[in-house]
Amino acid sequence: MIRVFITDDHPVVIEGIHSLLQNEKDMEWAGQAMNAQSCLGFFVNNTADVVLMDISMPGMDGLELCAIMKEKYPGVFILGLSTFNQGLYIKKMMENGTSGYILKNSSRGELVKAIHTVYAGGIDFSGEAGAALQEYQRSPLQELPALTSREKEVLELIAQGFTNPQIAEKIFLSSFTVDSHRKICWQN
């Protein structure tokens, strides 16, 4: 049995993936965490074979968490799970020890294949993620990706002095999403 754990700050993503995997005969749900600290806390007394890890989370992001997990628990396979399909993020996750990267818009089949591949010691990228990484590696200027219009909107509101909750209310997003956009703005 492949014990699968997920770290993502969106309950609907956790519930959706749990639902997608519950009928897989060779997979078992090990648990879930909505932030890095909860994930690390779980692994103090428990284990899993494959961790699906979001990049953008409040507090410590998935990039940093991935590096810590690989240092503390080298036998755990990590599969990046994100909406970000920019080559730089994929490359950084790989540098920090992930065994693959799958986008949240991937199919159930792609997810199951990716889990099996990384559990077997291989490396797996969803189609779009693999293409984004190849494009990034071919690019002579490996710069940070440009900000999206939503990220620019959040950055402008930050510059005007609005807090995350105020921005969230103003542009109809969750505070977690605003925090994610804020982090991306500072990385750029």
C-alpha atoms as a PDB file:
ATOM      1  CA  MET A   1       0.000   0.000   0.000  1.00  0.00           C
ATOM      2  CA  ILE A   2       1.199   3.488  -0.867  1.00  0.00           C
ATOM      3  CA  ARG A   3       0.480   5.802   2.057  1.00  0.00           C
ATOM      4  CA  VAL A   4      -0.422   9.239   0.654  1.00  0.00           C
ATOM      5  CA  PHE A   5      -0.337  12.493   2.633  1.00  0.00           C
ATOM      6  CA  ILE A   6      -1.312  15.960   1.377  1.00  0.00           C
ATOM      7  CA  THR A   7      -0.268  19.421   2.507  1.00  0.00           C
ATOM      8  CA  ASP A   8      -2.441  22.146   1.000  1.00  0.00           C
ATOM      9  CA  ASP A   9      -4.098  25.210   2.479  1.00  0.00           C
ATOM     10  CA  HIS A  10      -7.385  24.725   0.615  1.00  0.00           C
ATOM     11  CA  PRO A  11      -9.830  22.235   2.182  1.00  0.00           C
ATOM     12  CA  VAL A  12     -11.628  21.678  -1.126  1.00  0.00           C
ATOM     13  CA  VAL A  13      -8.370  20.561  -2.750  1.00  0.00           C
ATOM     14  CA  ILE A  14      -7.651  18.149   0.103  1.00  0.00           C
ATOM     15  CA  GLU A  15     -11.199  16.760   0.004  1.00  0.00           C
ATOM     16  CA  GLY A  16     -11.135  16.492  -3.787  1.00  0.00           C
ATOM     17  CA  ILE A  17      -7.860  14.577  -3.891  1.00  0.00           C
ATOM     18  CA  HIS A  18      -8.961  12.354  -1.030  1.00  0.00           C
ATOM     19  CA  SER A  19     -12.120  11.577  -2.985  1.00  0.00           C
ATOM     20  CA  LEU A  20     -10.141  10.872  -6.162  1.00  0.00           C
ATOM     21  CA  LEU A  21      -7.805   8.450  -4.399  1.00  0.00           C
ATOM     22  CA  GLN A  22     -10.170   6.642  -2.022  1.00  0.00           C
ATOM     23  CA  ASN A  23     -11.005   3.908  -4.535  1.00  0.00           C
ATOM     24  CA  GLU A  24      -7.399   3.191  -5.463  1.00  0.00           C
ATOM     25  CA  LYS A  25      -6.772  -0.344  -4.206  1.00  0.00           C
ATOM     26  CA  ASP A  26      -3.045   0.147  -3.659  1.00  0.00           C
ATOM     27  CA  MET A  27      -3.269   3.549  -1.945  1.00  0.00           C
ATOM     28  CA  GLU A  28      -4.092   4.489   1.615  1.00  0.00           C
ATOM     29  CA  TRP A  29      -4.850   7.961   2.960  1.00  0.00           C
ATOM     30  CA  ALA A  30      -2.176   8.727   5.584  1.00  0.00           C
ATOM     31  CA  GLY A  31      -3.421  12.192   6.494  1.00  0.00           C
ATOM     32  CA  GLN A  32      -3.466  15.847   5.649  1.00  0.00           C
ATOM     33  CA  ALA A  33      -2.184  19.225   6.784  1.00  0.00           C
ATOM     34  CA  MET A  34      -3.181  22.748   5.859  1.00  0.00           C
ATOM     35  CA  ASN A  35       0.224  24.290   6.583  1.00  0.00           C
ATOM     36  CA  ALA A  36       3.877  23.394   6.935  1.00  0.00           C
ATOM     37  CA  GLN A  37       3.912  23.259  10.735  1.00  0.00           C
ATOM     38  CA  SER A  38       1.031  20.762  10.809  1.00  0.00           C
ATOM     39  CA  CYS A  39       2.777  18.667   8.188  1.00  0.00           C
ATOM     40  CA  LEU A  40       6.010  18.590  10.165  1.00  0.00           C
ATOM     41  CA  GLY A  41       4.045  17.821  13.323  1.00  0.00           C
ATOM     42  CA  PHE A  42       2.393  14.827  11.670  1.00  0.00           C
ATOM     43  CA  PHE A  43       5.742  13.321  10.693  1.00  0.00           C
ATOM     44  CA  VAL A  44       7.089  13.441  14.245  1.00  0.00           C
ATOM     45  CA  ASN A  45       5.045  10.338  15.126  1.00  0.00           C
ATOM     46  CA  ASN A  46       3.689   9.142  11.762  1.00  0.00           C
ATOM     47  CA  THR A  47       4.866   8.427   8.272  1.00  0.00           C
ATOM     48  CA  ALA A  48       3.726   8.377   4.669  1.00  0.00           C
ATOM     49  CA  ASP A  49       5.273   7.203   1.429  1.00  0.00           C
ATOM     50  CA  VAL A  50       4.264  10.066  -0.875  1.00  0.00           C
ATOM     51  CA  VAL A  51       3.495  13.648   0.140  1.00  0.00           C
ATOM     52  CA  LEU A  52       1.526  15.831  -2.244  1.00  0.00           C
ATOM     53  CA  MET A  53       2.781  19.344  -1.446  1.00  0.00           C
ATOM     54  CA  ASP A  54       1.368  22.701  -2.448  1.00  0.00           C
ATOM     55  CA  ILE A  55       3.859  25.496  -3.064  1.00  0.00           C
ATOM     56  CA  SER A  56       1.840  28.464  -1.888  1.00  0.00           C
ATOM     57  CA  MET A  57       0.747  28.199   1.738  1.00  0.00           C
ATOM     58  CA  PRO A  58       0.504  30.679   4.602  1.00  0.00           C
ATOM     59  CA  GLY A  59       3.593  30.868   6.771  1.00  0.00           C
ATOM     60  CA  MET A  60       6.272  28.554   5.406  1.00  0.00           C
ATOM     61  CA  ASP A  61       5.809  27.821   1.700  1.00  0.00           C
ATOM     62  CA  GLY A  62       6.130  24.457  -0.014  1.00  0.00           C
ATOM     63  CA  LEU A  63       9.592  25.238  -1.361  1.00  0.00           C
ATOM     64  CA  GLU A  64      11.030  25.582   2.133  1.00  0.00           C
ATOM     65  CA  LEU A  65       8.928  22.730   3.540  1.00  0.00           C
ATOM     66  CA  CYS A  66      10.126  20.408   0.776  1.00  0.00           C
ATOM     67  CA  ALA A  67      13.775  21.052   1.663  1.00  0.00           C
ATOM     68  CA  ILE A  68      13.120  20.462   5.380  1.00  0.00           C
ATOM     69  CA  MET A  69      11.143  17.275   4.717  1.00  0.00           C
ATOM     70  CA  LYS A  70      13.867  15.813   2.484  1.00  0.00           C
ATOM     71  CA  GLU A  71      16.499  16.595   5.095  1.00  0.00           C
ATOM     72  CA  LYS A  72      14.515  15.110   8.003  1.00  0.00           C
ATOM     73  CA  TYR A  73      12.712  12.306   6.141  1.00  0.00           C
ATOM     74  CA  PRO A  74      14.778  11.389   3.064  1.00  0.00           C
ATOM     75  CA  GLY A  75      12.756   8.217   2.455  1.00  0.00           C
ATOM     76  CA  VAL A  76       9.537  10.167   1.866  1.00  0.00           C
ATOM     77  CA  PHE A  77       8.789  10.972  -1.769  1.00  0.00           C
ATOM     78  CA  ILE A  78       7.437  14.466  -2.429  1.00  0.00           C
ATOM     79  CA  LEU A  79       5.245  15.363  -5.366  1.00  0.00           C
ATOM     80  CA  GLY A  80       4.774  19.103  -5.938  1.00  0.00           C
ATOM     81  CA  LEU A  81       1.106  20.007  -6.390  1.00  0.00           C
ATOM     82  CA  SER A  82       0.307  23.509  -7.560  1.00  0.00           C
ATOM     83  CA  THR A  83      -1.487  25.851  -9.896  1.00  0.00           C
ATOM     84  CA  PHE A  84       1.863  27.460 -10.749  1.00  0.00           C
ATOM     85  CA  ASN A  85       3.195  26.106 -14.023  1.00  0.00           C
ATOM     86  CA  GLN A  86       6.196  28.416 -14.260  1.00  0.00           C
ATOM     87  CA  GLY A  87       9.483  26.645 -14.857  1.00  0.00           C
ATOM     88  CA  LEU A  88      11.268  28.515 -12.088  1.00  0.00           C
ATOM     89  CA  TYR A  89       8.951  27.149  -9.382  1.00  0.00           C
ATOM     90  CA  ILE A  90       9.218  23.635 -10.768  1.00  0.00           C
ATOM     91  CA  LYS A  91      13.022  23.879 -10.885  1.00  0.00           C
ATOM     92  CA  LYS A  92      13.180  25.188  -7.297  1.00  0.00           C
ATOM     93  CA  MET A  93      10.950  22.349  -6.060  1.00  0.00           C
ATOM     94  CA  MET A  94      13.222  19.852  -7.830  1.00  0.00           C
ATOM     95  CA  GLU A  95      16.313  21.467  -6.281  1.00  0.00           C
ATOM     96  CA  ASN A  96      14.662  21.120  -2.858  1.00  0.00           C
ATOM     97  CA  GLY A  97      14.050  17.409  -3.292  1.00  0.00           C
ATOM     98  CA  THR A  98      10.699  16.838  -4.935  1.00  0.00           C
ATOM     99  CA  SER A  99      10.379  13.797  -7.182  1.00  0.00           C
ATOM    100  CA  GLY A 100       7.827  15.348  -9.475  1.00  0.00           C
ATOM    101  CA  TYR A 101       5.374  18.124 -10.065  1.00  0.00           C
ATOM    102  CA  ILE A 102       1.731  17.941 -10.990  1.00  0.00           C
ATOM    103  CA  LEU A 103      -0.672  20.761 -11.661  1.00  0.00           C
ATOM    104  CA  LYS A 104      -3.987  20.985  -9.848  1.00  0.00           C
ATOM    105  CA  ASN A 105      -5.804  20.903 -13.171  1.00  0.00           C
ATOM    106  CA  SER A 106      -4.420  17.420 -13.926  1.00  0.00           C
ATOM    107  CA  SER A 107      -6.694  14.442 -14.328  1.00  0.00           C
ATOM    108  CA  ARG A 108      -7.185  11.665 -11.790  1.00  0.00           C
ATOM    109  CA  GLY A 109      -5.218   9.365 -14.103  1.00  0.00           C
ATOM    110  CA  GLU A 110      -2.257  11.761 -14.209  1.00  0.00           C
ATOM    111  CA  LEU A 111      -2.301  12.059 -10.410  1.00  0.00           C
ATOM    112  CA  VAL A 112      -2.412   8.301  -9.848  1.00  0.00           C
ATOM    113  CA  LYS A 113       0.367   7.759 -12.414  1.00  0.00           C
ATOM    114  CA  ALA A 114       2.513  10.444 -10.777  1.00  0.00           C
ATOM    115  CA  ILE A 115       2.086   8.911  -7.311  1.00  0.00           C
ATOM    116  CA  HIS A 116       3.023   5.461  -8.636  1.00  0.00           C
ATOM    117  CA  THR A 117       6.031   6.838 -10.533  1.00  0.00           C
ATOM    118  CA  VAL A 118       7.548   8.759  -7.618  1.00  0.00           C
ATOM    119  CA  TYR A 119       6.824   5.896  -5.199  1.00  0.00           C
ATOM    120  CA  ALA A 120       8.810   3.609  -7.528  1.00  0.00           C
ATOM    121  CA  GLY A 121      11.743   6.049  -7.367  1.00  0.00           C
ATOM    122  CA  GLY A 122      11.055   7.789 -10.659  1.00  0.00           C
ATOM    123  CA  ILE A 123      10.425  11.409 -11.567  1.00  0.00           C
ATOM    124  CA  ASP A 124       7.099  12.586 -12.956  1.00  0.00           C
ATOM    125  CA  PHE A 125       5.771  15.854 -14.346  1.00  0.00           C
ATOM    126  CA  SER A 126       2.242  16.501 -15.557  1.00  0.00           C
ATOM    127  CA  GLY A 127       2.251  17.454 -19.237  1.00  0.00           C
ATOM    128  CA  GLU A 128       2.017  21.210 -18.727  1.00  0.00           C
ATOM    129  CA  ALA A 129       4.558  21.186 -15.884  1.00  0.00           C
ATOM    130  CA  GLY A 130       7.072  19.236 -17.943  1.00  0.00           C
ATOM    131  CA  ALA A 131       6.641  21.618 -20.874  1.00  0.00           C
ATOM    132  CA  ALA A 132       7.034  24.653 -18.592  1.00  0.00           C
ATOM    133  CA  LEU A 133      10.248  23.248 -17.102  1.00  0.00           C
ATOM    134  CA  GLN A 134      11.699  22.490 -20.549  1.00  0.00           C
ATOM    135  CA  GLU A 135      10.824  25.981 -21.763  1.00  0.00           C
ATOM    136  CA  TYR A 136      12.428  27.519 -18.683  1.00  0.00           C
ATOM    137  CA  GLN A 137      15.606  25.491 -19.145  1.00  0.00           C
ATOM    138  CA  ARG A 138      15.845  26.548 -22.811  1.00  0.00           C
ATOM    139  CA  SER A 139      15.353  30.221 -21.955  1.00  0.00           C
ATOM    140  CA  PRO A 140      18.581  32.251 -22.038  1.00  0.00           C
ATOM    141  CA  LEU A 141      17.189  34.617 -19.397  1.00  0.00           C
ATOM    142  CA  GLN A 142      15.984  32.562 -16.479  1.00  0.00           C
ATOM    143  CA  GLU A 143      14.071  35.309 -14.750  1.00  0.00           C
ATOM    144  CA  LEU A 144      11.160  35.169 -12.366  1.00  0.00           C
ATOM    145  CA  PRO A 145       7.816  34.936 -14.135  1.00  0.00           C
ATOM    146  CA  ALA A 146       5.929  38.157 -14.782  1.00  0.00           C
ATOM    147  CA  LEU A 147       3.143  39.026 -12.390  1.00  0.00           C
ATOM    148  CA  THR A 148      -0.410  38.185 -13.401  1.00  0.00           C
ATOM    149  CA  SER A 149      -3.003  40.947 -13.550  1.00  0.00           C
ATOM    150  CA  ARG A 150      -4.459  39.720 -10.214  1.00  0.00           C
ATOM    151  CA  GLU A 151      -1.004  39.741  -8.593  1.00  0.00           C
ATOM    152  CA  LYS A 152      -0.442  43.284  -9.887  1.00  0.00           C
ATOM    153  CA  GLU A 153      -3.822  44.304  -8.457  1.00  0.00           C
ATOM    154  CA  VAL A 154      -2.878  42.849  -5.046  1.00  0.00           C
ATOM    155  CA  LEU A 155       0.533  44.552  -5.196  1.00  0.00           C
ATOM    156  CA  GLU A 156      -1.096  47.895  -5.942  1.00  0.00           C
ATOM    157  CA  LEU A 157      -3.464  47.499  -2.964  1.00  0.00           C
ATOM    158  CA  ILE A 158      -0.531  46.522  -0.719  1.00  0.00           C
ATOM    159  CA  ALA A 159       1.262  49.702  -1.837  1.00  0.00           C
ATOM    160  CA  GLN A 160      -1.870  51.665  -0.872  1.00  0.00           C
ATOM    161  CA  GLY A 161      -1.583  50.253   2.653  1.00  0.00           C
ATOM    162  CA  PHE A 162      -4.410  47.718   2.667  1.00  0.00           C
ATOM    163  CA  THR A 163      -4.072  44.584   4.840  1.00  0.00           C
ATOM    164  CA  ASN A 164      -4.649  41.051   3.523  1.00  0.00           C
ATOM    165  CA  PRO A 165      -8.205  40.851   4.971  1.00  0.00           C
ATOM    166  CA  GLN A 166      -9.046  44.282   3.527  1.00  0.00           C
ATOM    167  CA  ILE A 167      -7.695  43.297   0.106  1.00  0.00           C
ATOM    168  CA  ALA A 168      -9.568  39.990   0.252  1.00  0.00           C
ATOM    169  CA  GLU A 169     -12.848  41.783   0.950  1.00  0.00           C
ATOM    170  CA  LYS A 170     -12.193  44.449  -1.655  1.00  0.00           C
ATOM    171  CA  ILE A 171     -11.458  42.054  -4.561  1.00  0.00           C
ATOM    172  CA  PHE A 172     -13.538  39.074  -3.411  1.00  0.00           C
ATOM    173  CA  LEU A 173     -10.762  36.593  -2.599  1.00  0.00           C
ATOM    174  CA  SER A 174      -9.897  34.604   0.499  1.00  0.00           C
ATOM    175  CA  SER A 175      -7.190  35.968   2.804  1.00  0.00           C
ATOM    176  CA  PHE A 176      -5.145  32.831   2.014  1.00  0.00           C
ATOM    177  CA  THR A 177      -5.245  33.611  -1.706  1.00  0.00           C
ATOM    178  CA  VAL A 178      -4.247  37.220  -1.089  1.00  0.00           C
ATOM    179  CA  ASP A 179      -1.354  35.966   1.062  1.00  0.00           C
ATOM    180  CA  SER A 180      -0.282  33.668  -1.790  1.00  0.00           C
ATOM    181  CA  HIS A 181      -0.331  36.567  -4.250  1.00  0.00           C
ATOM    182  CA  ARG A 182       1.607  38.707  -1.766  1.00  0.00           C
ATOM    183  CA  LYS A 183       4.344  36.053  -1.526  1.00  0.00           C
ATOM    184  CA  ILE A 184       4.620  35.802  -5.294  1.00  0.00           C
ATOM    185  CA  CYS A 185       4.911  39.590  -5.568  1.00  0.00           C
ATOM    186  CA  TRP A 186       7.804  39.628  -3.077  1.00  0.00           C
ATOM    187  CA  GLN A 187       9.545  36.757  -4.845  1.00  0.00           C
ATOM    188  CA  ASN A 188       9.413  38.766  -8.048  1.00  0.00           C
END
